[in-house]
Amino acid sequence: MGAETAPRLPSLTVQVVEDACAVIALRDSQRREPPRRHPRTRHRWHVEGRRLRARKARVKDVAVRCLDSPG
């Protein structure tokens, strides 16, 4: 990592933390998969999973833009 990256480090650090939180939340959600015999609960679980995956994708997009932005 060069000196030109230093000004972007605080933003990048925030993105790393956000990504870690998103990964933990997604894994927690996956671990709580409800039984198939509870369709409403499964539906809410699927909605939560989609929301968490969208959050993770947004965090990734911001991190990529942070790294790709000119110095």
Protein backbone atom coordinates (compact mmCIF):
# COMPACT_ATOMS: atom_id res chain seq x y z
CA MET A 1 0.00 0.00 0.00
CA GLY A 2 1.52 3.29 -1.07
CA ALA A 3 1.39 6.77 0.40
CA GLU A 4 -1.31 7.72 -2.12
CA THR A 5 -3.65 5.24 -0.43
CA ALA A 6 -3.25 6.74 3.06
CA PRO A 7 -5.95 9.46 2.71
CA ARG A 8 -8.50 6.77 1.78
CA LEU A 9 -7.69 4.47 4.71
CA PRO A 10 -10.36 5.78 7.12
CA SER A 11 -13.07 5.19 4.51
CA LEU A 12 -11.65 1.81 3.67
CA THR A 13 -11.47 0.85 7.34
CA VAL A 14 -15.15 1.70 7.75
CA GLN A 15 -15.95 -0.46 4.71
CA VAL A 16 -13.98 -3.40 6.14
CA VAL A 17 -15.96 -3.16 9.39
CA GLU A 18 -19.26 -2.83 7.51
CA ASP A 19 -18.37 -5.87 5.41
CA ALA A 20 -17.53 -7.92 8.51
CA CYS A 21 -20.85 -6.95 10.09
CA ALA A 22 -22.72 -7.89 6.92
CA VAL A 23 -20.99 -11.27 6.75
CA ILE A 24 -21.76 -12.00 10.41
CA ALA A 25 -25.41 -11.00 9.99
CA LEU A 26 -25.77 -13.13 6.85
CA ARG A 27 -24.19 -16.19 8.50
CA ASP A 28 -26.42 -15.73 11.55
CA SER A 29 -29.47 -15.55 9.31
CA GLN A 30 -28.45 -18.69 7.42
CA ARG A 31 -27.94 -20.53 10.68
CA ARG A 32 -31.49 -19.67 11.78
CA GLU A 33 -33.20 -21.25 8.77
CA PRO A 34 -36.76 -22.08 9.86
CA PRO A 35 -38.38 -25.43 9.10
CA ARG A 36 -40.31 -25.81 5.86
CA ARG A 37 -43.52 -26.43 7.75
CA HIS A 38 -43.60 -22.74 8.75
CA PRO A 39 -44.15 -20.97 5.40
CA ARG A 40 -44.70 -17.46 6.81
CA THR A 41 -41.59 -17.67 8.91
CA ARG A 42 -39.62 -19.00 5.94
CA HIS A 43 -40.91 -16.16 3.79
CA ARG A 44 -39.72 -13.57 6.35
CA TRP A 45 -36.40 -15.42 6.58
CA HIS A 46 -35.98 -15.28 2.78
CA VAL A 47 -36.83 -11.56 2.76
CA GLU A 48 -34.25 -10.97 5.50
CA GLY A 49 -31.66 -12.93 3.50
CA ARG A 50 -32.30 -10.87 0.37
CA ARG A 51 -32.00 -7.66 2.40
CA LEU A 52 -28.72 -8.80 3.97
CA ARG A 53 -27.26 -9.88 0.60
CA ALA A 54 -28.23 -6.50 -0.88
CA ARG A 55 -26.53 -4.75 2.04
CA LYS A 56 -23.37 -6.81 1.50
CA ALA A 57 -23.41 -5.97 -2.22
CA ARG A 58 -23.75 -2.23 -1.44
CA VAL A 59 -20.83 -2.39 0.99
CA LYS A 60 -18.74 -4.19 -1.62
CA ASP A 61 -19.64 -1.59 -4.27
CA VAL A 62 -18.63 1.29 -2.01
CA ALA A 63 -15.35 -0.44 -1.12
CA VAL A 64 -14.52 -1.03 -4.78
CA ARG A 65 -15.26 2.61 -5.60
CA CYS A 66 -13.10 3.70 -2.66
CA LEU A 67 -10.19 1.62 -3.93
CA ASP A 68 -10.68 2.61 -7.56
CA SER A 69 -11.04 6.33 -6.98
CA PRO A 70 -8.07 8.38 -8.18
CA GLY A 71 -5.73 9.57 -5.44
